[in-house]
Every structure is written in C-alpha cells, then in structure tokens.
Amino acid sequence: MSRPFILGVTGSVGMGKSTVAAMFERLGVPVFDADAIVRALQGPKGALVERIEEAFPGTTGAQGVDRPRLGAAVFGDPEALARLEAIVHPAVRAARAEFLLEHAGAPLVVFDIPLLFEKGGVDEVGAVVVVSAPAEVQRARVLARPGMTPERFAQILALQLPDAEKRARANYVIDTGGSLAATEDQVAALVEKLRG
C-alpha cells in the first residue's frame, strides 16, 4: 500500500501557521496538529497529566496541566525542558504514527509541527513548507495576543530558528503577509501540485 506524501508545515510564532493548516484541512487534506495533540494529552484527564505532575509537582490540577505554571517551571531551564520533552515527545510520536495509519489511503497529509527544524522531524516528511510573513506583521500579530509582552515575544523568538533561515531550508514558502484570499490561493496551488 502506498504511503501518503507527508508535507511538514512549520513557521515561527505569529506567522499564520494555524490559519494555513486550517486552509489545507478545508481542501480535504488530513492535518496532524502537534499542538492540539499536546493540549489533549495535557488537558483534563489527559494521558500525560500524572507523569507531568510527578516530574513537576504543583503544575497540574482538575483542568489538567496549568500551562503558565508549567511554563514557569521549564522556561529558561534547559534541563527541565529536556525532562518535559522526554515525557511529551514520545506520546506525540505515537499519536502521529496512529494518524498515519488512519490516513494511509490519502494522497497527501500535513504534519503541522511548530518546531520542525528546531526539534527535528524534517527527515520524517517528504517536503517542508514554511509559513512566513514580514517581521512587522508577525510582531503586530503576536503582541495583539492576550498576555503577550515584547519581552516574552523576544524569549519565544530566541528559541526559534530565524525566519530567514527557515525560508532558506524550506521546499516551499507560503507568504501570509497579504490577504487571506492570497494565502488561500497559495495553499490551493500547492495542494494541486503535490496531489498531482
């Protein structure tokens, strides 16, 4: 049985990656959303809540993982972050394998992975599309988010590969700096090309 072509979709914070992933979905392309899987695993009765509480006491409750608390426990601490990733990443990999089995008959699937270059996984996809926008558009989008500060934005950017480097390493780039319609046209053209 032939395996679907796997397109990795990535992009820095505020570039419009989630919007682009939703566009692929509307065109009938199955999308594996790594962030959504993590939220489910860490949410109420999530499969990883107990292990995270053991590793980071006081970071969970009835609603699952308290993301701000957990973030405070690992942010700026590479060793703590590595411990958290050792809990989360294998569970995400297992969910991704299950997703591929479920969609084995699809000609094309998308892996929506925010830190595809930073955390590895490029070798698991057939091609990479980077979602990108001009820096001033990105900054305006991110700073409009509730609770976001310029300092926090700078910290997030420091953990991510620079956009120019991502663009250089990509097979395809979708520019979200223009209108939604223009972005949709780029997504549709790419889907047509990859399905063909």
N, C-alpha and C. Protein backbone atom coordinates (compact mmCIF):
# COMPACT_ATOMS: atom_id res chain seq x y z
N MET A 1 0.85 -1.19 0.00
CA MET A 1 0.00 0.00 0.00
C MET A 1 0.89 1.24 0.00
N SER A 2 0.57 2.20 -0.85
CA SER A 2 1.40 3.39 -0.92
C SER A 2 1.10 4.31 0.26
N ARG A 3 2.14 4.96 0.72
CA ARG A 3 2.03 5.86 1.86
C ARG A 3 1.68 7.24 1.35
N PRO A 4 0.94 8.04 2.13
CA PRO A 4 0.65 9.40 1.68
C PRO A 4 1.93 10.23 1.61
N PHE A 5 1.91 11.24 0.76
CA PHE A 5 3.00 12.21 0.75
C PHE A 5 2.82 13.07 1.99
N ILE A 6 3.88 13.21 2.79
CA ILE A 6 3.79 13.97 4.04
C ILE A 6 4.42 15.34 3.85
N LEU A 7 3.62 16.35 4.04
CA LEU A 7 4.08 17.74 3.96
C LEU A 7 4.20 18.29 5.37
N GLY A 8 5.38 18.70 5.76
CA GLY A 8 5.58 19.32 7.06
C GLY A 8 5.30 20.81 6.95
N VAL A 9 4.41 21.31 7.79
CA VAL A 9 4.11 22.74 7.81
C VAL A 9 4.66 23.32 9.10
N THR A 10 5.48 24.36 8.97
CA THR A 10 6.08 24.98 10.14
C THR A 10 6.18 26.48 9.92
N GLY A 11 6.55 27.17 10.97
CA GLY A 11 6.69 28.63 10.88
C GLY A 11 6.84 29.19 12.28
N SER A 12 7.47 30.32 12.37
CA SER A 12 7.68 30.95 13.67
C SER A 12 6.37 31.47 14.24
N VAL A 13 6.42 31.86 15.51
CA VAL A 13 5.24 32.39 16.21
C VAL A 13 4.64 33.57 15.44
N GLY A 14 3.31 33.56 15.32
CA GLY A 14 2.61 34.68 14.71
C GLY A 14 2.66 34.77 13.20
N MET A 15 3.15 33.71 12.55
CA MET A 15 3.26 33.75 11.09
C MET A 15 1.98 33.31 10.37
N GLY A 16 1.03 32.72 11.11
CA GLY A 16 -0.21 32.30 10.47
C GLY A 16 -0.27 30.82 10.16
N LYS A 17 0.57 30.04 10.84
CA LYS A 17 0.64 28.61 10.58
C LYS A 17 -0.69 27.90 10.82
N SER A 18 -1.36 28.23 11.91
CA SER A 18 -2.65 27.59 12.23
C SER A 18 -3.70 27.92 11.17
N THR A 19 -3.68 29.16 10.70
CA THR A 19 -4.62 29.59 9.65
C THR A 19 -4.36 28.79 8.37
N VAL A 20 -3.09 28.64 8.02
CA VAL A 20 -2.72 27.90 6.81
C VAL A 20 -3.08 26.42 6.97
N ALA A 21 -2.84 25.84 8.13
CA ALA A 21 -3.19 24.43 8.36
C ALA A 21 -4.70 24.22 8.18
N ALA A 22 -5.49 25.18 8.68
CA ALA A 22 -6.95 25.10 8.52
C ALA A 22 -7.34 25.16 7.04
N MET A 23 -6.59 25.92 6.25
CA MET A 23 -6.86 26.00 4.81
C MET A 23 -6.60 24.66 4.13
N PHE A 24 -5.51 23.98 4.53
CA PHE A 24 -5.25 22.64 3.99
C PHE A 24 -6.42 21.71 4.34
N GLU A 25 -6.88 21.79 5.59
CA GLU A 25 -7.98 20.94 6.04
C GLU A 25 -9.24 21.18 5.23
N ARG A 26 -9.54 22.45 4.97
CA ARG A 26 -10.75 22.78 4.17
C ARG A 26 -10.65 22.23 2.75
N LEU A 27 -9.42 22.02 2.28
CA LEU A 27 -9.23 21.46 0.94
C LEU A 27 -9.20 19.92 0.98
N GLY A 28 -9.55 19.36 2.15
CA GLY A 28 -9.65 17.91 2.27
C GLY A 28 -8.35 17.20 2.60
N VAL A 29 -7.32 17.95 2.99
CA VAL A 29 -6.05 17.34 3.35
C VAL A 29 -6.05 17.05 4.86
N PRO A 30 -5.87 15.79 5.26
CA PRO A 30 -5.80 15.48 6.69
C PRO A 30 -4.60 16.20 7.33
N VAL A 31 -4.84 16.85 8.48
CA VAL A 31 -3.79 17.61 9.16
C VAL A 31 -3.56 17.03 10.55
N PHE A 32 -2.29 16.70 10.83
CA PHE A 32 -1.89 16.29 12.17
C PHE A 32 -1.38 17.55 12.87
N ASP A 33 -2.11 17.98 13.89
CA ASP A 33 -1.79 19.21 14.61
C ASP A 33 -1.08 18.84 15.91
N ALA A 34 0.24 18.96 15.92
CA ALA A 34 1.04 18.55 17.08
C ALA A 34 0.63 19.32 18.34
N ASP A 35 0.37 20.62 18.20
CA ASP A 35 -0.03 21.44 19.36
C ASP A 35 -1.35 20.95 19.96
N ALA A 36 -2.31 20.62 19.09
CA ALA A 36 -3.62 20.15 19.57
C ALA A 36 -3.47 18.82 20.31
N ILE A 37 -2.60 17.96 19.81
CA ILE A 37 -2.35 16.68 20.47
C ILE A 37 -1.77 16.92 21.86
N VAL A 38 -0.79 17.83 21.94
CA VAL A 38 -0.17 18.14 23.24
C VAL A 38 -1.22 18.69 24.21
N ARG A 39 -2.09 19.58 23.71
CA ARG A 39 -3.14 20.13 24.57
C ARG A 39 -4.06 19.02 25.08
N ALA A 40 -4.41 18.07 24.23
CA ALA A 40 -5.27 16.96 24.65
C ALA A 40 -4.57 16.07 25.68
N LEU A 41 -3.30 15.79 25.44
CA LEU A 41 -2.53 14.94 26.36
C LEU A 41 -2.34 15.60 27.72
N GLN A 42 -2.36 16.94 27.73
CA GLN A 42 -2.13 17.69 28.96
C GLN A 42 -3.41 18.28 29.55
N GLY A 43 -4.53 18.08 28.88
CA GLY A 43 -5.80 18.65 29.33
C GLY A 43 -6.45 17.82 30.42
N PRO A 44 -7.70 18.14 30.77
CA PRO A 44 -8.41 17.38 31.80
C PRO A 44 -8.39 15.87 31.48
N LYS A 45 -7.96 15.06 32.43
CA LYS A 45 -7.86 13.61 32.26
C LYS A 45 -6.90 13.20 31.14
N GLY A 46 -6.00 14.11 30.76
CA GLY A 46 -5.03 13.82 29.70
C GLY A 46 -4.06 12.73 30.11
N ALA A 47 -3.61 11.97 29.13
CA ALA A 47 -2.76 10.81 29.38
C ALA A 47 -1.42 11.16 30.04
N LEU A 48 -0.96 12.41 29.90
CA LEU A 48 0.35 12.77 30.44
C LEU A 48 0.30 13.56 31.74
N VAL A 49 -0.91 13.91 32.19
CA VAL A 49 -1.04 14.80 33.35
C VAL A 49 -0.34 14.23 34.59
N GLU A 50 -0.58 12.96 34.87
CA GLU A 50 0.01 12.33 36.06
C GLU A 50 1.54 12.34 36.01
N ARG A 51 2.10 11.98 34.85
CA ARG A 51 3.57 11.94 34.72
C ARG A 51 4.16 13.35 34.84
N ILE A 52 3.46 14.35 34.30
CA ILE A 52 3.96 15.72 34.38
C ILE A 52 3.92 16.20 35.83
N GLU A 53 2.85 15.85 36.55
CA GLU A 53 2.75 16.23 37.97
C GLU A 53 3.88 15.59 38.78
N GLU A 54 4.20 14.32 38.47
CA GLU A 54 5.30 13.65 39.17
C GLU A 54 6.63 14.36 38.93
N ALA A 55 6.84 14.77 37.69
CA ALA A 55 8.11 15.40 37.32
C ALA A 55 8.18 16.87 37.76
N PHE A 56 7.00 17.52 37.77
CA PHE A 56 6.94 18.96 38.09
C PHE A 56 5.78 19.19 39.06
N PRO A 57 5.99 18.85 40.34
CA PRO A 57 4.91 18.95 41.33
C PRO A 57 4.28 20.35 41.38
N GLY A 58 2.93 20.35 41.48
CA GLY A 58 2.21 21.62 41.59
C GLY A 58 1.87 22.28 40.27
N THR A 59 2.12 21.58 39.15
CA THR A 59 1.86 22.20 37.84
C THR A 59 0.58 21.69 37.18
N THR A 60 -0.18 20.84 37.89
CA THR A 60 -1.43 20.33 37.31
C THR A 60 -2.56 20.49 38.31
N GLY A 61 -3.78 20.34 37.79
CA GLY A 61 -4.97 20.42 38.63
C GLY A 61 -6.12 19.73 37.94
N ALA A 62 -7.35 20.06 38.34
CA ALA A 62 -8.54 19.43 37.76
C ALA A 62 -8.65 19.68 36.26
N GLN A 63 -8.11 20.80 35.79
CA GLN A 63 -8.17 21.13 34.36
C GLN A 63 -6.97 20.58 33.59
N GLY A 64 -6.20 19.71 34.24
CA GLY A 64 -5.01 19.17 33.59
C GLY A 64 -3.81 20.02 33.94
N VAL A 65 -2.90 20.16 32.97
CA VAL A 65 -1.69 20.93 33.20
C VAL A 65 -2.04 22.42 33.26
N ASP A 66 -1.51 23.09 34.27
CA ASP A 66 -1.62 24.55 34.37
C ASP A 66 -0.47 25.09 33.53
N ARG A 67 -0.78 25.46 32.28
CA ARG A 67 0.27 25.83 31.32
C ARG A 67 1.17 26.98 31.82
N PRO A 68 0.62 28.05 32.39
CA PRO A 68 1.51 29.11 32.89
C PRO A 68 2.47 28.60 33.98
N ARG A 69 1.95 27.75 34.88
CA ARG A 69 2.80 27.19 35.95
C ARG A 69 3.89 26.29 35.38
N LEU A 70 3.48 25.41 34.46
CA LEU A 70 4.45 24.51 33.85
C LEU A 70 5.48 25.31 33.06
N GLY A 71 4.99 26.32 32.34
CA GLY A 71 5.89 27.18 31.57
C GLY A 71 6.92 27.83 32.47
N ALA A 72 6.47 28.31 33.62
CA ALA A 72 7.37 28.95 34.58
C ALA A 72 8.40 27.95 35.11
N ALA A 73 7.99 26.69 35.23
CA ALA A 73 8.89 25.65 35.76
C ALA A 73 9.98 25.26 34.77
N VAL A 74 9.71 25.41 33.47
CA VAL A 74 10.69 24.95 32.48
C VAL A 74 11.34 26.07 31.68
N PHE A 75 10.70 27.24 31.63
CA PHE A 75 11.21 28.32 30.79
C PHE A 75 12.58 28.79 31.28
N GLY A 76 13.55 28.80 30.40
CA GLY A 76 14.89 29.24 30.77
C GLY A 76 15.70 28.19 31.51
N ASP A 77 15.16 26.97 31.63
CA ASP A 77 15.87 25.88 32.30
C ASP A 77 15.99 24.70 31.33
N PRO A 78 17.08 24.63 30.57
CA PRO A 78 17.22 23.60 29.53
C PRO A 78 17.05 22.17 30.06
N GLU A 79 17.52 21.92 31.29
CA GLU A 79 17.42 20.57 31.86
C GLU A 79 15.96 20.21 32.14
N ALA A 80 15.21 21.16 32.70
CA ALA A 80 13.79 20.93 32.98
C ALA A 80 13.01 20.76 31.68
N LEU A 81 13.33 21.58 30.69
CA LEU A 81 12.66 21.48 29.39
C LEU A 81 12.93 20.11 28.76
N ALA A 82 14.16 19.64 28.87
CA ALA A 82 14.50 18.32 28.33
C ALA A 82 13.71 17.22 29.03
N ARG A 83 13.52 17.34 30.36
CA ARG A 83 12.72 16.35 31.10
C ARG A 83 11.28 16.36 30.61
N LEU A 84 10.73 17.56 30.39
CA LEU A 84 9.35 17.67 29.91
C LEU A 84 9.24 17.07 28.50
N GLU A 85 10.18 17.40 27.64
CA GLU A 85 10.15 16.88 26.27
C GLU A 85 10.26 15.37 26.23
N ALA A 86 11.02 14.79 27.18
CA ALA A 86 11.16 13.33 27.24
C ALA A 86 9.84 12.65 27.60
N ILE A 87 8.94 13.40 28.24
CA ILE A 87 7.61 12.88 28.55
C ILE A 87 6.67 13.09 27.36
N VAL A 88 6.72 14.28 26.77
CA VAL A 88 5.74 14.67 25.74
C VAL A 88 6.06 14.10 24.36
N HIS A 89 7.31 14.20 23.92
CA HIS A 89 7.63 13.84 22.53
C HIS A 89 7.30 12.39 22.14
N PRO A 90 7.61 11.39 22.98
CA PRO A 90 7.24 10.02 22.59
C PRO A 90 5.72 9.84 22.41
N ALA A 91 4.93 10.52 23.25
CA ALA A 91 3.46 10.42 23.14
C ALA A 91 2.98 11.07 21.84
N VAL A 92 3.60 12.18 21.46
CA VAL A 92 3.23 12.85 20.20
C VAL A 92 3.62 11.97 19.01
N ARG A 93 4.81 11.36 19.09
CA ARG A 93 5.24 10.47 18.01
C ARG A 93 4.27 9.30 17.83
N ALA A 94 3.81 8.74 18.93
CA ALA A 94 2.85 7.62 18.87
C ALA A 94 1.54 8.08 18.24
N ALA A 95 1.08 9.28 18.60
CA ALA A 95 -0.16 9.82 18.02
C ALA A 95 0.00 10.06 16.52
N ARG A 96 1.20 10.50 16.12
CA ARG A 96 1.47 10.76 14.70
C ARG A 96 1.46 9.46 13.91
N ALA A 97 2.02 8.39 14.49
CA ALA A 97 2.03 7.08 13.82
C ALA A 97 0.59 6.58 13.64
N GLU A 98 -0.22 6.80 14.66
CA GLU A 98 -1.64 6.40 14.60
C GLU A 98 -2.37 7.19 13.51
N PHE A 99 -2.10 8.49 13.44
CA PHE A 99 -2.70 9.37 12.42
C PHE A 99 -2.34 8.87 11.02
N LEU A 100 -1.08 8.48 10.82
CA LEU A 100 -0.66 7.99 9.51
C LEU A 100 -1.38 6.70 9.14
N LEU A 101 -1.59 5.82 10.11
CA LEU A 101 -2.33 4.59 9.84
C LEU A 101 -3.77 4.90 9.44
N GLU A 102 -4.36 5.84 10.17
CA GLU A 102 -5.75 6.25 9.91
C GLU A 102 -5.93 6.82 8.51
N HIS A 103 -4.89 7.53 8.01
CA HIS A 103 -5.00 8.23 6.72
C HIS A 103 -4.08 7.62 5.66
N ALA A 104 -3.84 6.32 5.79
CA ALA A 104 -2.91 5.63 4.88
C ALA A 104 -3.34 5.74 3.42
N GLY A 105 -4.63 5.87 3.18
CA GLY A 105 -5.12 5.93 1.80
C GLY A 105 -5.12 7.33 1.20
N ALA A 106 -4.81 8.35 1.98
CA ALA A 106 -4.82 9.74 1.48
C ALA A 106 -3.59 9.99 0.62
N PRO A 107 -3.75 10.75 -0.48
CA PRO A 107 -2.57 11.04 -1.31
C PRO A 107 -1.61 12.02 -0.62
N LEU A 108 -2.16 12.86 0.25
CA LEU A 108 -1.38 13.92 0.88
C LEU A 108 -1.86 14.14 2.31
N VAL A 109 -0.93 14.25 3.25
CA VAL A 109 -1.26 14.63 4.62
C VAL A 109 -0.31 15.74 5.06
N VAL A 110 -0.75 16.50 6.05
CA VAL A 110 0.06 17.58 6.60
C VAL A 110 0.42 17.27 8.04
N PHE A 111 1.68 17.45 8.38
CA PHE A 111 2.12 17.44 9.77
C PHE A 111 2.36 18.90 10.15
N ASP A 112 1.51 19.44 11.00
CA ASP A 112 1.63 20.82 11.47
C ASP A 112 2.52 20.77 12.72
N ILE A 113 3.79 21.12 12.56
CA ILE A 113 4.77 20.99 13.65
C ILE A 113 5.51 22.31 13.82
N PRO A 114 5.17 23.07 14.88
CA PRO A 114 5.76 24.39 15.07
C PRO A 114 7.30 24.41 15.07
N LEU A 115 7.92 23.46 15.76
CA LEU A 115 9.38 23.46 15.89
C LEU A 115 10.02 22.35 15.06
N LEU A 116 9.58 22.22 13.82
CA LEU A 116 10.04 21.13 12.95
C LEU A 116 11.56 21.16 12.76
N PHE A 117 12.11 22.33 12.49
CA PHE A 117 13.57 22.44 12.31
C PHE A 117 14.29 22.38 13.65
N GLU A 118 13.73 23.05 14.64
CA GLU A 118 14.40 23.17 15.94
C GLU A 118 14.48 21.84 16.68
N LYS A 119 13.41 21.04 16.64
CA LYS A 119 13.35 19.81 17.44
C LYS A 119 13.52 18.54 16.61
N GLY A 120 13.77 18.68 15.34
CA GLY A 120 13.95 17.51 14.48
C GLY A 120 12.62 17.00 13.95
N GLY A 121 12.67 16.17 12.95
CA GLY A 121 11.46 15.66 12.33
C GLY A 121 11.44 15.92 10.84
N VAL A 122 12.41 16.71 10.36
CA VAL A 122 12.46 17.02 8.93
C VAL A 122 12.62 15.75 8.10
N ASP A 123 13.35 14.77 8.65
CA ASP A 123 13.58 13.52 7.93
C ASP A 123 12.32 12.64 7.84
N GLU A 124 11.26 13.02 8.58
CA GLU A 124 10.02 12.24 8.56
C GLU A 124 9.00 12.78 7.55
N VAL A 125 9.35 13.87 6.86
CA VAL A 125 8.41 14.47 5.90
C VAL A 125 9.02 14.48 4.50
N GLY A 126 8.13 14.49 3.50
CA GLY A 126 8.59 14.50 2.11
C GLY A 126 9.02 15.87 1.65
N ALA A 127 8.44 16.90 2.23
CA ALA A 127 8.78 18.28 1.89
C ALA A 127 8.35 19.17 3.04
N VAL A 128 8.95 20.35 3.12
CA VAL A 128 8.63 21.30 4.19
C VAL A 128 8.13 22.59 3.58
N VAL A 129 7.00 23.07 4.12
CA VAL A 129 6.51 24.40 3.74
C VAL A 129 6.63 25.28 4.98
N VAL A 130 7.24 26.44 4.79
CA VAL A 130 7.38 27.41 5.87
C VAL A 130 6.35 28.51 5.65
N VAL A 131 5.57 28.77 6.70
CA VAL A 131 4.59 29.85 6.68
C VAL A 131 5.31 31.08 7.21
N SER A 132 5.26 32.15 6.44
CA SER A 132 6.07 33.31 6.77
C SER A 132 5.33 34.60 6.45
N ALA A 133 5.73 35.66 7.15
CA ALA A 133 5.18 37.00 6.92
C ALA A 133 6.27 38.00 7.26
N PRO A 134 6.16 39.22 6.79
CA PRO A 134 7.16 40.23 7.16
C PRO A 134 7.23 40.40 8.68
N ALA A 135 8.42 40.72 9.18
CA ALA A 135 8.67 40.82 10.63
C ALA A 135 7.70 41.77 11.33
N GLU A 136 7.35 42.88 10.70
CA GLU A 136 6.44 43.84 11.36
C GLU A 136 5.02 43.30 11.47
N VAL A 137 4.62 42.48 10.50
CA VAL A 137 3.30 41.83 10.54
C VAL A 137 3.30 40.79 11.67
N GLN A 138 4.35 40.00 11.73
CA GLN A 138 4.49 38.99 12.78
C GLN A 138 4.42 39.65 14.16
N ARG A 139 5.20 40.71 14.36
CA ARG A 139 5.27 41.40 15.65
C ARG A 139 3.89 41.92 16.07
N ALA A 140 3.18 42.54 15.12
CA ALA A 140 1.85 43.09 15.42
C ALA A 140 0.88 41.98 15.82
N ARG A 141 0.93 40.85 15.10
CA ARG A 141 0.04 39.72 15.41
C ARG A 141 0.32 39.17 16.81
N VAL A 142 1.60 38.96 17.11
CA VAL A 142 1.96 38.33 18.39
C VAL A 142 1.64 39.26 19.55
N LEU A 143 1.97 40.54 19.42
CA LEU A 143 1.75 41.46 20.53
C LEU A 143 0.26 41.76 20.76
N ALA A 144 -0.58 41.38 19.80
CA ALA A 144 -2.03 41.55 19.97
C ALA A 144 -2.63 40.40 20.79
N ARG A 145 -1.85 39.36 21.04
CA ARG A 145 -2.34 38.21 21.82
C ARG A 145 -2.46 38.58 23.29
N PRO A 146 -3.51 38.05 23.96
CA PRO A 146 -3.67 38.36 25.39
C PRO A 146 -2.46 37.91 26.20
N GLY A 147 -2.01 38.76 27.07
CA GLY A 147 -0.91 38.42 27.97
C GLY A 147 0.47 38.45 27.35
N MET A 148 0.57 38.79 26.08
CA MET A 148 1.88 38.80 25.43
C MET A 148 2.58 40.13 25.69
N THR A 149 3.87 40.05 25.94
CA THR A 149 4.68 41.25 26.14
C THR A 149 5.84 41.23 25.15
N PRO A 150 6.45 42.37 24.88
CA PRO A 150 7.62 42.38 23.99
C PRO A 150 8.75 41.46 24.52
N GLU A 151 8.90 41.38 25.84
CA GLU A 151 9.94 40.53 26.43
C GLU A 151 9.65 39.06 26.17
N ARG A 152 8.40 38.67 26.40
CA ARG A 152 8.01 37.26 26.17
C ARG A 152 8.16 36.91 24.69
N PHE A 153 7.78 37.83 23.82
CA PHE A 153 7.92 37.62 22.37
C PHE A 153 9.40 37.41 22.03
N ALA A 154 10.28 38.21 22.60
CA ALA A 154 11.72 38.09 22.36
C ALA A 154 12.23 36.73 22.84
N GLN A 155 11.72 36.27 24.01
CA GLN A 155 12.13 34.96 24.54
C GLN A 155 11.70 33.83 23.60
N ILE A 156 10.47 33.93 23.09
CA ILE A 156 9.98 32.90 22.17
C ILE A 156 10.82 32.88 20.90
N LEU A 157 11.08 34.06 20.35
CA LEU A 157 11.89 34.14 19.12
C LEU A 157 13.28 33.56 19.33
N ALA A 158 13.84 33.75 20.52
CA ALA A 158 15.19 33.25 20.81
C ALA A 158 15.24 31.73 20.76
N LEU A 159 14.12 31.06 21.00
CA LEU A 159 14.06 29.59 20.96
C LEU A 159 13.80 29.05 19.56
N GLN A 160 13.46 29.95 18.63
CA GLN A 160 13.10 29.52 17.28
C GLN A 160 14.19 29.91 16.28
N LEU A 161 14.36 29.06 15.29
CA LEU A 161 15.27 29.37 14.19
C LEU A 161 14.78 30.65 13.52
N PRO A 162 15.67 31.56 13.15
CA PRO A 162 15.22 32.79 12.48
C PRO A 162 14.41 32.48 11.21
N ASP A 163 13.41 33.30 10.94
CA ASP A 163 12.53 33.09 9.79
C ASP A 163 13.32 32.97 8.49
N ALA A 164 14.33 33.81 8.30
CA ALA A 164 15.12 33.77 7.05
C ALA A 164 15.77 32.41 6.87
N GLU A 165 16.24 31.82 7.98
CA GLU A 165 16.87 30.50 7.90
C GLU A 165 15.84 29.42 7.58
N LYS A 166 14.65 29.55 8.19
CA LYS A 166 13.58 28.59 7.88
C LYS A 166 13.21 28.66 6.41
N ARG A 167 13.06 29.88 5.91
CA ARG A 167 12.71 30.06 4.49
C ARG A 167 13.77 29.42 3.59
N ALA A 168 15.04 29.61 3.96
CA ALA A 168 16.15 29.07 3.15
C ALA A 168 16.14 27.54 3.14
N ARG A 169 15.70 26.93 4.24
CA ARG A 169 15.71 25.47 4.33
C ARG A 169 14.41 24.83 3.80
N ALA A 170 13.42 25.64 3.51
CA ALA A 170 12.11 25.12 3.09
C ALA A 170 12.09 24.68 1.63
N ASN A 171 11.21 23.74 1.32
CA ASN A 171 10.94 23.39 -0.07
C ASN A 171 9.95 24.38 -0.68
N TYR A 172 9.05 24.86 0.16
CA TYR A 172 8.02 25.82 -0.27
C TYR A 172 7.83 26.87 0.83
N VAL A 173 7.45 28.08 0.42
CA VAL A 173 7.14 29.14 1.38
C VAL A 173 5.75 29.67 1.05
N ILE A 174 4.91 29.77 2.09
CA ILE A 174 3.61 30.42 1.92
C ILE A 174 3.68 31.74 2.67
N ASP A 175 3.50 32.82 1.92
CA ASP A 175 3.59 34.16 2.49
C ASP A 175 2.21 34.59 2.96
N THR A 176 2.09 34.84 4.27
CA THR A 176 0.80 35.23 4.84
C THR A 176 0.73 36.74 5.11
N GLY A 177 1.64 37.49 4.52
CA GLY A 177 1.67 38.93 4.75
C GLY A 177 0.59 39.69 4.01
N GLY A 178 -0.03 39.05 3.03
CA GLY A 178 -1.07 39.71 2.24
C GLY A 178 -2.46 39.34 2.74
N SER A 179 -3.41 39.30 1.83
CA SER A 179 -4.80 39.00 2.20
C SER A 179 -4.98 37.50 2.44
N LEU A 180 -6.07 37.16 3.14
CA LEU A 180 -6.40 35.74 3.35
C LEU A 180 -6.63 35.04 2.02
N ALA A 181 -7.27 35.74 1.09
CA ALA A 181 -7.54 35.16 -0.23
C ALA A 181 -6.23 34.82 -0.95
N ALA A 182 -5.25 35.69 -0.84
CA ALA A 182 -3.95 35.45 -1.48
C ALA A 182 -3.27 34.24 -0.86
N THR A 183 -3.41 34.12 0.46
CA THR A 183 -2.82 32.96 1.15
C THR A 183 -3.54 31.69 0.70
N GLU A 184 -4.88 31.74 0.65
CA GLU A 184 -5.66 30.56 0.22
C GLU A 184 -5.25 30.12 -1.19
N ASP A 185 -5.00 31.08 -2.07
CA ASP A 185 -4.58 30.75 -3.44
C ASP A 185 -3.25 30.00 -3.43
N GLN A 186 -2.32 30.44 -2.59
CA GLN A 186 -1.02 29.77 -2.49
C GLN A 186 -1.19 28.33 -1.98
N VAL A 187 -2.04 28.16 -0.98
CA VAL A 187 -2.27 26.83 -0.40
C VAL A 187 -2.92 25.91 -1.45
N ALA A 188 -3.93 26.43 -2.12
CA ALA A 188 -4.62 25.62 -3.14
C ALA A 188 -3.67 25.20 -4.26
N ALA A 189 -2.82 26.11 -4.70
CA ALA A 189 -1.86 25.80 -5.77
C ALA A 189 -0.87 24.72 -5.32
N LEU A 190 -0.45 24.80 -4.06
CA LEU A 190 0.49 23.80 -3.53
C LEU A 190 -0.18 22.44 -3.41
N VAL A 191 -1.42 22.41 -2.94
CA VAL A 191 -2.15 21.14 -2.81
C VAL A 191 -2.30 20.50 -4.19
N GLU A 192 -2.67 21.31 -5.18
CA GLU A 192 -2.85 20.79 -6.53
C GLU A 192 -1.52 20.20 -7.05
N LYS A 193 -0.43 20.92 -6.83
CA LYS A 193 0.88 20.47 -7.28
C LYS A 193 1.28 19.15 -6.60
N LEU A 194 1.09 19.07 -5.29
CA LEU A 194 1.54 17.88 -4.55
C LEU A 194 0.62 16.68 -4.78
N ARG A 195 -0.66 16.94 -5.00
CA ARG A 195 -1.57 15.82 -5.30
C ARG A 195 -1.31 15.29 -6.70
N GLY A 196 -0.92 16.19 -7.58
CA GLY A 196 -0.65 15.82 -8.99
C GLY A 196 0.63 15.00 -9.08
